[in-house]
């Protein structure tokens, strides 16, 4: 009997491992590190370049806490400097096995940005399309949007699409790289997380209307750093949302209100206190990783179990909140 117990203990310990997601403060850019129960890693975006390697240092510190010595997959959602700029700095600190992206930039005459083009020579490279999967053991990672295209419409009808209209396709963000953002749905058992990069108004409508093929989420990262989104996102019904804003970038009051009023939302967490929002359109202090404009770059960390339960931890104040399985 004792021998059997000793045999089963390592199996139980392995089964108890969580999916850990680090939301790294890159001052209003994006960098999100996912570490699967088996140790494989997916980094979504790498923040800015420059600033003395600030963003890459913050990624490397989070990776060290997570026990990650190599990035197995680096997904660049699109080619704006706050998402792809930090890739060369990152490679000076951590190796990357495979680079994933939506294909050449529409803002670079159909080419990759020069620094990124050099970076992908150092590893494997794959262009991803809607419906593709990223092979991480223990997780189901599905590409739901890429290069301006989305997965086919299916699922429940989205009543929140009523009255929403597409915007001119040749204006503003709709004509640039944001509209090309790659987005993924990550599933670990019953736990579901969505990251859609800087997906624009029109592309969010294309994805979610008239039907919602993504389904409901437990945790979502805001699109465009908490900028304006159509109420169609309410169909995702996230229990919790992380806003990847900076003190003066993202977290716009109008966008904050749309997210905060999502039906069934339990909590909205933020990487920064948004100066423009004041107390009325910011989360409670306990749910904000960085409250000072000149900050130490603290992260938020979600740890999920396959039964759908999860916790979120604030590195700044050590506050942790648990969300039970539903």
Protein backbone atom coordinates (compact mmCIF):
# COMPACT_ATOMS: atom_id res chain seq x y z
CA UNK A 1 0.00 0.00 0.00
CA UNK A 2 2.81 2.41 0.94
CA UNK A 3 4.58 1.66 -2.35
CA UNK A 4 1.35 2.41 -4.24
CA UNK A 5 0.96 5.76 -2.46
CA UNK A 6 4.53 6.72 -3.26
CA UNK A 7 3.86 5.86 -6.90
CA UNK A 8 0.64 7.89 -7.05
CA UNK A 9 1.97 11.03 -5.35
CA UNK A 10 4.02 12.29 -8.33
CA UNK A 11 1.03 11.64 -10.61
CA UNK A 12 -1.25 13.65 -8.33
CA UNK A 13 1.29 16.47 -8.14
CA UNK A 14 1.55 16.57 -11.92
CA UNK A 15 -2.23 16.59 -12.30
CA UNK A 16 -2.48 19.51 -9.88
CA UNK A 17 -0.29 21.81 -12.02
CA UNK A 18 -1.86 24.97 -13.30
CA UNK A 19 -1.82 27.04 -16.46
CA UNK A 20 -0.03 30.24 -15.41
CA UNK A 21 -0.51 33.49 -17.34
CA UNK A 22 1.71 36.49 -16.61
CA UNK A 23 0.41 39.85 -17.77
CA UNK A 24 3.63 41.82 -18.00
CA UNK A 25 3.70 45.60 -17.67
CA UNK A 26 5.19 47.02 -20.87
CA UNK A 27 3.72 50.48 -20.29
CA UNK A 28 0.68 50.26 -22.53
CA UNK A 29 2.09 47.79 -25.04
CA UNK A 30 1.45 44.08 -24.79
CA UNK A 31 3.36 41.10 -23.50
CA UNK A 32 1.62 38.06 -22.06
CA UNK A 33 3.48 34.92 -21.01
CA UNK A 34 1.57 31.63 -20.81
CA UNK A 35 3.20 28.64 -19.14
CA UNK A 36 1.45 25.31 -19.63
CA UNK A 37 1.33 22.67 -16.87
CA UNK A 38 4.05 20.71 -18.66
CA UNK A 39 6.34 23.74 -18.82
CA UNK A 40 5.97 24.76 -22.46
CA UNK A 41 5.71 28.51 -22.98
CA UNK A 42 3.83 30.85 -25.30
CA UNK A 43 4.71 34.54 -25.28
CA UNK A 44 2.21 36.83 -26.97
CA UNK A 45 3.99 40.01 -28.06
CA UNK A 46 7.16 41.53 -26.65
CA UNK A 47 6.43 45.18 -25.86
CA UNK A 48 8.57 48.09 -26.99
CA UNK A 49 12.19 48.29 -28.06
CA UNK A 50 14.63 50.68 -26.39
CA UNK A 51 14.20 52.12 -22.89
CA UNK A 52 17.40 50.30 -21.95
CA UNK A 53 15.76 46.95 -22.69
CA UNK A 54 13.11 47.66 -20.04
CA UNK A 55 10.37 45.48 -21.51
CA UNK A 56 12.61 42.54 -22.30
CA UNK A 57 14.00 42.73 -18.75
CA UNK A 58 10.47 42.55 -17.35
CA UNK A 59 9.64 39.58 -19.56
CA UNK A 60 12.85 37.83 -18.51
CA UNK A 61 12.08 38.42 -14.83
CA UNK A 62 8.60 36.94 -15.17
CA UNK A 63 10.04 34.01 -17.13
CA UNK A 64 12.54 33.36 -14.34
CA UNK A 65 9.77 33.33 -11.73
CA UNK A 66 7.90 30.86 -13.95
CA UNK A 67 10.97 28.65 -14.41
CA UNK A 68 11.03 29.35 -18.16
CA UNK A 69 14.45 29.33 -19.83
CA UNK A 70 13.25 29.30 -23.42
CA UNK A 71 10.22 30.71 -25.23
CA UNK A 72 8.80 27.79 -27.18
CA UNK A 73 6.41 29.94 -29.21
CA UNK A 74 6.46 33.70 -29.71
CA UNK A 75 3.24 34.99 -31.24
CA UNK A 76 3.42 38.53 -32.62
CA UNK A 77 -0.17 39.65 -33.02
CA UNK A 78 0.73 42.50 -35.41
CA UNK A 79 3.61 44.75 -36.34
CA UNK A 80 3.25 47.89 -34.25
CA UNK A 81 6.19 48.93 -32.11
CA UNK A 82 4.43 48.28 -28.80
CA UNK A 83 3.95 44.62 -29.75
CA UNK A 84 6.92 43.65 -31.94
CA UNK A 85 9.52 46.27 -31.02
CA UNK A 86 10.95 44.35 -28.08
CA UNK A 87 11.72 41.16 -30.02
CA UNK A 88 15.44 41.90 -30.61
CA UNK A 89 15.90 42.83 -26.94
CA UNK A 90 14.08 39.64 -25.92
CA UNK A 91 16.39 37.46 -28.03
CA UNK A 92 19.37 38.90 -26.16
CA UNK A 93 17.89 37.43 -22.97
CA UNK A 94 15.91 34.32 -23.95
CA UNK A 95 16.01 32.02 -27.00
CA UNK A 96 12.86 31.54 -29.07
CA UNK A 97 12.13 28.23 -30.79
CA UNK A 98 9.31 29.24 -33.14
CA UNK A 99 7.97 32.60 -34.30
CA UNK A 100 4.30 32.93 -35.24
CA UNK A 101 2.64 35.88 -37.01
CA UNK A 102 -0.07 36.86 -39.48
CA UNK A 103 2.31 37.39 -42.41
CA UNK A 104 4.07 40.51 -43.74
CA UNK A 105 2.98 43.93 -42.52
CA UNK A 106 0.46 45.86 -44.62
CA UNK A 107 2.16 49.04 -43.36
CA UNK A 108 5.60 47.95 -44.60
CA UNK A 109 4.75 47.47 -48.29
CA UNK A 110 4.09 43.79 -47.75
CA UNK A 111 7.36 43.15 -45.92
CA UNK A 112 8.29 42.32 -42.36
CA UNK A 113 9.80 45.10 -40.22
CA UNK A 114 13.57 44.90 -40.67
CA UNK A 115 14.47 44.03 -37.08
CA UNK A 116 11.82 41.31 -36.92
CA UNK A 117 12.89 39.90 -40.29
CA UNK A 118 16.39 39.44 -38.88
CA UNK A 119 15.02 37.93 -35.67
CA UNK A 120 13.03 35.17 -37.36
CA UNK A 121 16.19 33.95 -39.06
CA UNK A 122 17.22 32.67 -35.61
CA UNK A 123 14.38 30.19 -35.22
CA UNK A 124 11.52 28.41 -36.91
CA UNK A 125 8.82 30.63 -38.41
CA UNK A 126 5.17 30.01 -39.31
CA UNK A 127 2.41 32.23 -40.67
CA UNK A 128 -0.84 31.40 -38.89
CA UNK A 129 -4.41 31.49 -40.21
CA UNK A 130 -7.84 31.35 -38.55
CA UNK A 131 -8.55 27.80 -37.43
CA UNK A 132 -4.89 26.88 -36.97
CA UNK A 133 -3.71 25.48 -33.66
CA UNK A 134 -0.52 26.03 -31.65
CA UNK A 135 0.73 22.67 -30.34
CA UNK A 136 1.22 23.11 -26.61
CA UNK A 137 0.80 19.95 -24.57
CA UNK A 138 -2.14 20.12 -22.19
CA UNK A 139 -3.69 23.17 -23.85
CA UNK A 140 -5.94 23.81 -26.82
CA UNK A 141 -4.73 27.00 -28.48
CA UNK A 142 -6.81 28.00 -31.50
CA UNK A 143 -6.22 30.95 -33.81
CA UNK A 144 -9.56 32.74 -34.21
CA UNK A 145 -8.34 35.75 -36.23
CA UNK A 146 -5.32 36.58 -38.38
CA UNK A 147 -4.46 38.85 -41.34
CA UNK A 148 -7.91 40.44 -41.31
CA UNK A 149 -9.75 37.12 -41.48
CA UNK A 150 -11.70 35.30 -38.77
CA UNK A 151 -12.99 31.78 -38.09
CA UNK A 152 -16.37 30.92 -39.68
CA UNK A 153 -19.55 32.06 -38.01
CA UNK A 154 -21.11 29.42 -35.77
CA UNK A 155 -22.43 29.08 -32.26
CA UNK A 156 -25.10 31.05 -30.46
CA UNK A 157 -26.71 34.13 -31.95
CA UNK A 158 -25.23 37.32 -30.48
CA UNK A 159 -28.04 39.63 -29.38
CA UNK A 160 -25.52 42.36 -28.53
CA UNK A 161 -24.85 42.90 -32.25
CA UNK A 162 -28.18 44.69 -32.66
CA UNK A 163 -27.75 48.24 -33.94
CA UNK A 164 -23.99 47.96 -34.46
CA UNK A 165 -22.58 48.94 -37.85
CA UNK A 166 -19.25 48.54 -39.60
CA UNK A 167 -17.06 51.63 -39.90
CA UNK A 168 -15.35 52.88 -43.11
CA UNK A 169 -12.76 50.24 -44.00
CA UNK A 170 -10.27 52.77 -45.37
CA UNK A 171 -10.11 55.00 -42.29
CA UNK A 172 -7.94 54.97 -39.17
CA UNK A 173 -7.15 51.66 -37.50
CA UNK A 174 -9.34 49.76 -39.95
CA UNK A 175 -6.80 50.40 -42.72
CA UNK A 176 -3.69 49.53 -40.71
CA UNK A 177 -1.92 46.76 -38.85
CA UNK A 178 -4.38 46.69 -35.96
CA UNK A 179 -6.96 45.24 -38.34
CA UNK A 180 -4.57 42.36 -39.09
CA UNK A 181 -4.19 41.34 -35.43
CA UNK A 182 -3.91 37.64 -34.69
CA UNK A 183 -6.19 36.48 -31.89
CA UNK A 184 -6.22 33.22 -29.96
CA UNK A 185 -8.53 31.23 -27.74
CA UNK A 186 -6.70 29.22 -25.07
CA UNK A 187 -8.47 26.34 -23.33
CA UNK A 188 -7.21 24.33 -20.37
CA UNK A 189 -9.92 21.86 -19.49
CA UNK A 190 -12.95 24.01 -18.70
CA UNK A 191 -10.91 27.21 -18.33
CA UNK A 192 -11.05 29.56 -21.34
CA UNK A 193 -8.89 32.64 -22.05
CA UNK A 194 -9.00 35.02 -25.02
CA UNK A 195 -6.36 37.40 -26.38
CA UNK A 196 -7.22 39.25 -29.58
CA UNK A 197 -4.36 41.74 -29.89
CA UNK A 198 -5.45 45.16 -31.11
CA UNK A 199 -8.38 43.81 -33.11
CA UNK A 200 -10.36 46.74 -34.50
CA UNK A 201 -14.06 47.57 -34.25
CA UNK A 202 -14.86 46.05 -37.67
CA UNK A 203 -12.89 42.86 -37.07
CA UNK A 204 -14.54 42.33 -33.69
CA UNK A 205 -17.92 42.60 -35.41
CA UNK A 206 -16.76 40.20 -38.13
CA UNK A 207 -15.70 37.69 -35.48
CA UNK A 208 -18.66 37.97 -33.12
CA UNK A 209 -21.65 38.94 -35.29
CA UNK A 210 -24.25 37.69 -35.95
CA UNK A 211 -23.02 34.56 -34.16
CA UNK A 212 -20.31 34.10 -31.54
CA UNK A 213 -17.92 31.26 -32.53
CA UNK A 214 -15.60 31.96 -29.58
CA UNK A 215 -18.11 31.19 -26.85
CA UNK A 216 -17.88 32.40 -23.26
CA UNK A 217 -14.62 33.18 -21.51
CA UNK A 218 -13.39 32.96 -17.95
CA UNK A 219 -10.65 35.51 -18.54
CA UNK A 220 -10.12 38.03 -21.35
CA UNK A 221 -7.44 40.54 -22.21
CA UNK A 222 -8.82 43.82 -23.49
CA UNK A 223 -8.39 44.61 -27.16
CA UNK A 224 -6.30 47.68 -28.02
CA UNK A 225 -5.22 48.18 -24.40
CA UNK A 226 -8.72 48.98 -23.21
CA UNK A 227 -9.67 51.23 -26.10
CA UNK A 228 -13.12 51.42 -27.65
CA UNK A 229 -14.83 48.13 -28.48
CA UNK A 230 -18.37 47.37 -29.67
CA UNK A 231 -20.81 45.94 -27.17
CA UNK A 232 -20.74 42.75 -29.26
CA UNK A 233 -17.89 41.66 -26.95
CA UNK A 234 -20.46 41.27 -24.18
CA UNK A 235 -21.35 37.89 -25.74
CA UNK A 236 -17.98 36.61 -24.53
CA UNK A 237 -19.32 37.07 -20.97
CA UNK A 238 -15.89 37.01 -19.31
CA UNK A 239 -15.86 36.48 -15.57
CA UNK A 240 -12.72 38.60 -15.33
CA UNK A 241 -10.87 40.98 -17.64
CA UNK A 242 -7.27 42.19 -17.60
CA UNK A 243 -6.68 45.66 -19.07
CA UNK A 244 -3.16 45.95 -20.52
CA UNK A 245 -3.02 49.73 -20.33
CA UNK A 246 -0.33 52.22 -19.39
CA UNK A 247 -0.75 55.31 -17.22
CA UNK A 248 -1.43 57.46 -20.28
CA UNK A 249 -2.11 54.88 -22.99
CA UNK A 250 -5.23 52.76 -23.20
CA UNK A 251 -7.75 52.51 -20.41
CA UNK A 252 -9.84 55.19 -22.11
CA UNK A 253 -12.97 56.03 -20.09
CA UNK A 254 -15.35 55.05 -22.93
CA UNK A 255 -13.60 51.73 -23.49
CA UNK A 256 -13.36 51.10 -19.75
CA UNK A 257 -17.12 51.56 -19.36
CA UNK A 258 -17.93 49.06 -22.14
CA UNK A 259 -15.74 46.43 -20.49
CA UNK A 260 -16.88 47.23 -16.94
CA UNK A 261 -20.55 46.84 -17.89
CA UNK A 262 -20.11 43.43 -19.51
CA UNK A 263 -22.93 41.20 -18.18
CA UNK A 264 -21.71 38.77 -15.55
CA UNK A 265 -18.32 40.44 -15.12
CA UNK A 266 -16.98 39.77 -11.65
CA UNK A 267 -13.82 41.89 -11.77
CA UNK A 268 -11.85 44.18 -14.08
CA UNK A 269 -8.11 44.19 -13.30
CA UNK A 270 -5.62 46.70 -14.70
CA UNK A 271 -1.88 46.83 -15.26
CA UNK A 272 -1.91 50.58 -14.56
CA UNK A 273 -4.04 53.27 -13.03
CA UNK A 274 -5.24 55.24 -16.07
CA UNK A 275 -4.59 58.92 -15.40
CA UNK A 276 -7.30 60.10 -17.80
CA UNK A 277 -9.96 58.02 -16.10
CA UNK A 278 -9.78 59.29 -12.55
CA UNK A 279 -11.30 57.23 -9.77
CA UNK A 280 -14.61 56.81 -11.60
CA UNK A 281 -13.24 54.79 -14.51
CA UNK A 282 -10.46 52.81 -12.87
CA UNK A 283 -10.60 49.52 -11.00
CA UNK A 284 -10.21 49.46 -7.21
CA UNK A 285 -6.64 49.96 -6.05
CA UNK A 286 -6.29 46.32 -4.99
CA UNK A 287 -6.86 45.18 -8.59
CA UNK A 288 -4.29 47.50 -10.21
CA UNK A 289 -0.71 46.29 -10.59
CA UNK A 290 0.87 49.74 -10.90
CA UNK A 291 -0.72 52.79 -9.32
CA UNK A 292 2.13 55.28 -9.80
CA UNK A 293 3.01 56.67 -13.23
CA UNK A 294 6.73 56.11 -12.58
CA UNK A 295 6.46 52.48 -11.48
CA UNK A 296 8.45 49.30 -10.99
CA UNK A 297 6.56 47.40 -13.69
CA UNK A 298 4.68 44.89 -11.56
CA UNK A 299 2.73 42.08 -13.22
CA UNK A 300 -0.60 40.36 -12.75
CA UNK A 301 -0.63 36.57 -12.75
CA UNK A 302 -3.55 34.23 -13.37
CA UNK A 303 -3.29 30.56 -12.37
CA UNK A 304 -5.98 28.28 -13.77
CA UNK A 305 -7.03 24.70 -13.04
CA UNK A 306 -8.70 22.37 -15.54
CA UNK A 307 -11.97 22.42 -13.58
CA UNK A 308 -12.33 26.11 -14.59
CA UNK A 309 -11.33 27.62 -11.25
CA UNK A 310 -8.54 30.18 -11.17
CA UNK A 311 -6.83 32.83 -9.10
CA UNK A 312 -5.40 36.23 -10.00
CA UNK A 313 -2.38 37.58 -8.12
CA UNK A 314 -1.21 41.21 -7.97
CA UNK A 315 2.57 41.36 -7.64
CA UNK A 316 2.52 44.89 -6.24
CA UNK A 317 0.41 44.32 -3.14
CA UNK A 318 0.35 40.48 -3.07
CA UNK A 319 -3.44 40.57 -3.22
CA UNK A 320 -4.90 37.32 -4.54
CA UNK A 321 -8.49 36.60 -5.45
CA UNK A 322 -9.90 33.15 -6.16
CA UNK A 323 -12.66 32.40 -8.67
CA UNK A 324 -14.34 29.04 -8.18
CA UNK A 325 -15.33 26.58 -10.88
CA UNK A 326 -18.75 27.28 -12.36
